[in-house]
Amino acid sequence: MRPVQALKVGDEAPDFEMPSTGETAGKGQERKTIRLSDYRGKKNVVLAFFPAAFTPV
């Protein structure tokens, strides 16, 4: 497990990867792995986290 990094506004996000959840994912198609570095310098990326989203409370 990697150590948690504290980021400040304006800091560059560390590279990471995760399975895709859009387009054809979950519809019988193979999931693709998305890496932040695939978009670095090409597109703007917004990261949003929703703790406990879609879980019963």
C-alpha atoms as a PDB file:
ATOM      1  CA  MET A   1       0.000   0.000   0.000  1.00  0.00           C
ATOM      2  CA  ARG A   2       1.343   3.409  -0.973  1.00  0.00           C
ATOM      3  CA  PRO A   3       1.494   6.216   1.585  1.00  0.00           C
ATOM      4  CA  VAL A   4      -1.210   8.864   1.497  1.00  0.00           C
ATOM      5  CA  GLN A   5      -0.052  12.150  -0.001  1.00  0.00           C
ATOM      6  CA  ALA A   6      -1.410  15.508   1.110  1.00  0.00           C
ATOM      7  CA  LEU A   7      -2.095  17.723  -1.906  1.00  0.00           C
ATOM      8  CA  LYS A   8      -2.681  21.446  -1.915  1.00  0.00           C
ATOM      9  CA  VAL A   9      -4.626  23.512  -4.433  1.00  0.00           C
ATOM     10  CA  GLY A  10      -2.478  23.839  -7.532  1.00  0.00           C
ATOM     11  CA  ASP A  11      -0.403  20.698  -6.884  1.00  0.00           C
ATOM     12  CA  GLU A  12      -0.069  18.221  -9.728  1.00  0.00           C
ATOM     13  CA  ALA A  13      -2.003  15.032  -9.026  1.00  0.00           C
ATOM     14  CA  PRO A  14       0.066  11.844  -8.785  1.00  0.00           C
ATOM     15  CA  ASP A  15      -0.457   9.315 -11.572  1.00  0.00           C
ATOM     16  CA  PHE A  16      -2.969   6.539 -10.898  1.00  0.00           C
ATOM     17  CA  GLU A  17      -5.052   3.997 -12.792  1.00  0.00           C
ATOM     18  CA  MET A  18      -8.587   2.655 -12.419  1.00  0.00           C
ATOM     19  CA  PRO A  19     -11.135   0.640 -14.413  1.00  0.00           C
ATOM     20  CA  SER A  20     -13.366   2.639 -16.738  1.00  0.00           C
ATOM     21  CA  THR A  21     -17.029   3.052 -15.831  1.00  0.00           C
ATOM     22  CA  GLY A  22     -18.378   4.849 -18.901  1.00  0.00           C
ATOM     23  CA  GLU A  23     -19.524   4.108 -22.419  1.00  0.00           C
ATOM     24  CA  THR A  24     -19.630   0.296 -22.788  1.00  0.00           C
ATOM     25  CA  ALA A  25     -18.278  -0.758 -19.376  1.00  0.00           C
ATOM     26  CA  GLY A  26     -20.632  -3.212 -17.710  1.00  0.00           C
ATOM     27  CA  LYS A  27     -22.566  -3.885 -20.933  1.00  0.00           C
ATOM     28  CA  GLY A  28     -20.821  -7.063 -21.959  1.00  0.00           C
ATOM     29  CA  GLN A  29     -17.727  -5.226 -23.139  1.00  0.00           C
ATOM     30  CA  GLU A  30     -14.262  -5.509 -21.681  1.00  0.00           C
ATOM     31  CA  ARG A  31     -13.395  -2.853 -19.124  1.00  0.00           C
ATOM     32  CA  LYS A  32     -10.462  -0.657 -20.020  1.00  0.00           C
ATOM     33  CA  THR A  33      -7.880   0.672 -17.605  1.00  0.00           C
ATOM     34  CA  ILE A  34      -7.702   4.458 -17.509  1.00  0.00           C
ATOM     35  CA  ARG A  35      -4.519   6.225 -16.384  1.00  0.00           C
ATOM     36  CA  LEU A  36      -4.308   9.874 -15.432  1.00  0.00           C
ATOM     37  CA  SER A  37      -1.046  10.096 -17.379  1.00  0.00           C
ATOM     38  CA  ASP A  38      -2.993   9.244 -20.579  1.00  0.00           C
ATOM     39  CA  TYR A  39      -4.619  12.696 -20.349  1.00  0.00           C
ATOM     40  CA  ARG A  40      -1.787  14.765 -18.866  1.00  0.00           C
ATOM     41  CA  GLY A  41      -1.082  17.739 -21.144  1.00  0.00           C
ATOM     42  CA  LYS A  42      -3.893  16.743 -23.545  1.00  0.00           C
ATOM     43  CA  LYS A  43      -7.185  17.338 -21.717  1.00  0.00           C
ATOM     44  CA  ASN A  44      -8.454  18.827 -18.492  1.00  0.00           C
ATOM     45  CA  VAL A  45      -9.466  16.229 -15.922  1.00  0.00           C
ATOM     46  CA  VAL A  46     -11.809  16.763 -12.962  1.00  0.00           C
ATOM     47  CA  LEU A  47     -11.583  14.274 -10.107  1.00  0.00           C
ATOM     48  CA  ALA A  48     -14.645  13.946  -7.889  1.00  0.00           C
ATOM     49  CA  PHE A  49     -15.020  11.644  -4.916  1.00  0.00           C
ATOM     50  CA  PHE A  50     -18.338  10.822  -3.282  1.00  0.00           C
ATOM     51  CA  PRO A  51     -17.706   9.044   0.030  1.00  0.00           C
ATOM     52  CA  ALA A  52     -20.440   6.517   0.786  1.00  0.00           C
ATOM     53  CA  ALA A  53     -22.275   7.302  -2.458  1.00  0.00           C
ATOM     54  CA  PHE A  54     -24.793   4.679  -3.492  1.00  0.00           C
ATOM     55  CA  THR A  55     -24.598   2.907  -0.132  1.00  0.00           C
ATOM     56  CA  PRO A  56     -27.488   2.507   2.284  1.00  0.00           C
ATOM     57  CA  VAL A  57     -27.201   4.692   5.349  1.00  0.00           C
END
